[in-house]
Amino acid sequence: MSKLSYLLISSIIIGVDRLLKHWATTFLTPSSPQPLLGQAIRLTRVHNTGGAFGIFPGNRTLFLAISFTAALLITFMLSTARYHSRLINTGLSLVLAGAIGNLIDRLSTGYVLDFFEIRGLTVFNLADACISIGIALIIFYTLVGGKKNRSAR
């Protein structure tokens, strides 16, 4: 796949994230859970002013800076095509989409809109899921996908 393909993947995911968040804003009432798969998976609208899992609430400037920096760095990494692995490029494109999706929220509303709830765990959105899956792919590639023997000097 070309380097532009990975940026296109990110763009499509950002679009879907925006559509889902618009739907959630329109049809879900804050803190009023609606069953999706029984009570195990629910739709619960939450305004998250913190980071992942609600850590450090109210630190908008910090998370704006982190999201913006991550988006710039990953865009540079993808556009320079330094990596020839589909796995790491897919991981980077997912993290990029998630960072930009949540950055848009923070800039436009001051919080990130979360609405998928897995009972007993957390409330999240598509952007959050993309960041988590993307990081998992990058870690997996780093542990088993690299061809370089890093222990030999």
Protein backbone atom coordinates (compact mmCIF):
# COMPACT_ATOMS: atom_id res chain seq x y z
CA MET A 1 0.00 0.00 0.00
CA SER A 2 1.18 3.52 -0.68
CA LYS A 3 1.85 6.04 2.05
CA LEU A 4 -1.21 8.00 0.93
CA SER A 5 -3.37 4.91 1.47
CA TYR A 6 -2.58 4.96 5.19
CA LEU A 7 -3.45 8.65 5.42
CA LEU A 8 -6.70 7.88 3.56
CA ILE A 9 -7.50 5.15 6.10
CA SER A 10 -7.01 7.69 8.89
CA SER A 11 -9.25 10.20 7.11
CA ILE A 12 -12.06 7.68 6.66
CA ILE A 13 -11.90 6.65 10.32
CA ILE A 14 -11.96 10.31 11.40
CA GLY A 15 -15.10 10.78 9.28
CA VAL A 16 -16.82 7.74 10.82
CA ASP A 17 -15.78 8.93 14.30
CA ARG A 18 -17.33 12.35 13.64
CA LEU A 19 -20.57 10.75 12.37
CA LEU A 20 -20.83 8.47 15.42
CA LYS A 21 -20.20 11.37 17.79
CA HIS A 22 -22.81 13.49 16.01
CA TRP A 23 -25.27 10.60 16.35
CA ALA A 24 -24.43 10.20 20.05
CA THR A 25 -24.87 13.93 20.68
CA THR A 26 -28.23 13.90 18.92
CA PHE A 27 -29.75 10.73 20.34
CA LEU A 28 -28.12 10.02 23.72
CA THR A 29 -28.80 11.86 26.96
CA PRO A 30 -25.74 12.40 29.19
CA SER A 31 -25.32 9.72 31.87
CA SER A 32 -28.47 7.86 30.84
CA PRO A 33 -27.36 4.35 29.75
CA GLN A 34 -29.17 2.59 26.92
CA PRO A 35 -28.65 -1.19 26.52
CA LEU A 36 -26.88 -2.23 23.32
CA LEU A 37 -26.14 -5.89 24.13
CA GLY A 38 -28.15 -6.37 27.28
CA GLN A 39 -26.48 -4.63 30.20
CA ALA A 40 -22.99 -5.88 29.22
CA ILE A 41 -22.47 -3.28 26.49
CA ARG A 42 -24.39 -0.04 26.74
CA LEU A 43 -24.53 3.35 25.09
CA THR A 44 -23.72 5.90 27.79
CA ARG A 45 -22.94 9.49 26.82
CA VAL A 46 -20.07 10.89 28.90
CA HIS A 47 -18.18 14.17 28.52
CA ASN A 48 -14.56 13.28 29.30
CA THR A 49 -12.38 16.29 30.21
CA GLY A 50 -9.41 14.05 31.03
CA GLY A 51 -7.28 11.54 29.21
CA ALA A 52 -7.74 7.82 28.69
CA PHE A 53 -10.04 6.30 31.31
CA GLY A 54 -10.75 9.84 32.58
CA ILE A 55 -7.28 10.33 34.11
CA PHE A 56 -6.21 13.88 34.91
CA PRO A 57 -9.63 15.51 34.38
CA GLY A 58 -9.64 19.18 33.48
CA ASN A 59 -6.19 19.20 31.85
CA ARG A 60 -7.45 20.31 28.43
CA THR A 61 -4.26 22.17 27.48
CA LEU A 62 -2.07 19.17 28.27
CA PHE A 63 -4.18 16.79 26.19
CA LEU A 64 -4.48 19.31 23.33
CA ALA A 65 -0.68 19.52 23.22
CA ILE A 66 -0.24 15.73 23.38
CA SER A 67 -2.84 15.08 20.66
CA PHE A 68 -1.51 17.81 18.38
CA THR A 69 2.12 16.69 18.78
CA ALA A 70 1.22 13.03 18.24
CA ALA A 71 -0.79 13.88 15.11
CA LEU A 72 2.09 15.90 13.62
CA LEU A 73 4.69 13.27 14.43
CA ILE A 74 2.65 10.36 13.07
CA THR A 75 1.68 12.28 9.92
CA PHE A 76 5.39 12.90 9.32
CA MET A 77 6.22 9.25 9.97
CA LEU A 78 3.54 8.00 7.58
CA SER A 79 4.23 10.54 4.84
CA THR A 80 7.97 9.87 4.76
CA ALA A 81 7.28 6.12 4.39
CA ARG A 82 10.10 5.14 6.71
CA TYR A 83 8.44 1.85 7.57
CA HIS A 84 7.83 -0.89 5.03
CA SER A 85 5.58 -2.97 7.24
CA ARG A 86 1.83 -2.94 6.73
CA LEU A 87 1.41 -3.80 10.40
CA ILE A 88 3.24 -0.76 11.77
CA ASN A 89 1.80 1.59 9.14
CA THR A 90 -1.73 0.38 9.94
CA GLY A 91 -1.03 0.86 13.65
CA LEU A 92 0.26 4.38 13.01
CA SER A 93 -2.76 5.27 10.85
CA LEU A 94 -5.14 4.06 13.58
CA VAL A 95 -3.35 6.07 16.28
CA LEU A 96 -3.36 9.12 13.99
CA ALA A 97 -7.11 8.82 13.38
CA GLY A 98 -7.80 8.47 17.09
CA ALA A 99 -5.58 11.38 18.07
CA ILE A 100 -7.18 13.67 15.49
CA GLY A 101 -10.71 12.49 16.32
CA ASN A 102 -10.28 13.33 20.00
CA LEU A 103 -8.34 16.53 19.19
CA ILE A 104 -11.33 17.79 17.18
CA ASP A 105 -13.56 17.13 20.20
CA ARG A 106 -11.27 18.97 22.61
CA LEU A 107 -10.96 21.96 20.28
CA SER A 108 -14.67 22.22 19.49
CA THR A 109 -16.29 21.37 22.84
CA GLY A 110 -13.56 21.28 25.48
CA TYR A 111 -14.14 17.58 26.19
CA VAL A 112 -14.06 14.21 24.41
CA LEU A 113 -17.44 12.59 23.80
CA ASP A 114 -17.41 8.95 24.92
CA PHE A 115 -20.45 6.71 24.52
CA PHE A 116 -19.61 3.00 24.23
CA GLU A 117 -19.64 1.42 27.68
CA ILE A 118 -18.40 -2.03 28.53
CA ARG A 119 -19.85 -2.65 32.00
CA GLY A 120 -17.22 -2.72 34.66
CA LEU A 121 -14.49 -1.36 32.41
CA THR A 122 -14.81 2.04 30.78
CA VAL A 123 -16.72 4.33 28.46
CA PHE A 124 -14.93 5.08 25.19
CA ASN A 125 -15.42 6.09 21.56
CA LEU A 126 -14.16 4.94 18.15
CA ALA A 127 -11.12 7.23 18.36
CA ASP A 128 -10.14 5.69 21.70
CA ALA A 129 -10.53 2.17 20.28
CA CYS A 130 -8.36 3.10 17.29
CA ILE A 131 -5.62 4.45 19.55
CA SER A 132 -5.67 1.27 21.67
CA ILE A 133 -5.67 -1.10 18.69
CA GLY A 134 -3.03 0.97 16.87
CA ILE A 135 -0.70 0.94 19.88
CA ALA A 136 -1.22 -2.82 20.25
CA LEU A 137 -0.23 -3.33 16.58
CA ILE A 138 2.87 -1.16 17.00
CA ILE A 139 3.91 -3.06 20.14
CA PHE A 140 3.27 -6.40 18.43
CA TYR A 141 5.40 -5.32 15.44
CA THR A 142 8.15 -4.12 17.75
CA LEU A 143 8.22 -7.40 19.67
CA VAL A 144 7.88 -9.93 16.84
CA GLY A 145 7.66 -8.19 13.48
CA GLY A 146 10.97 -6.43 13.18
CA LYS A 147 13.64 -8.08 11.03
CA LYS A 148 16.60 -6.32 12.61
CA ASN A 149 18.59 -8.07 15.30
CA ARG A 150 18.84 -5.21 17.78
CA SER A 151 21.02 -7.13 20.22
CA ALA A 152 23.95 -7.38 17.76
CA ARG A 153 26.20 -4.33 17.76
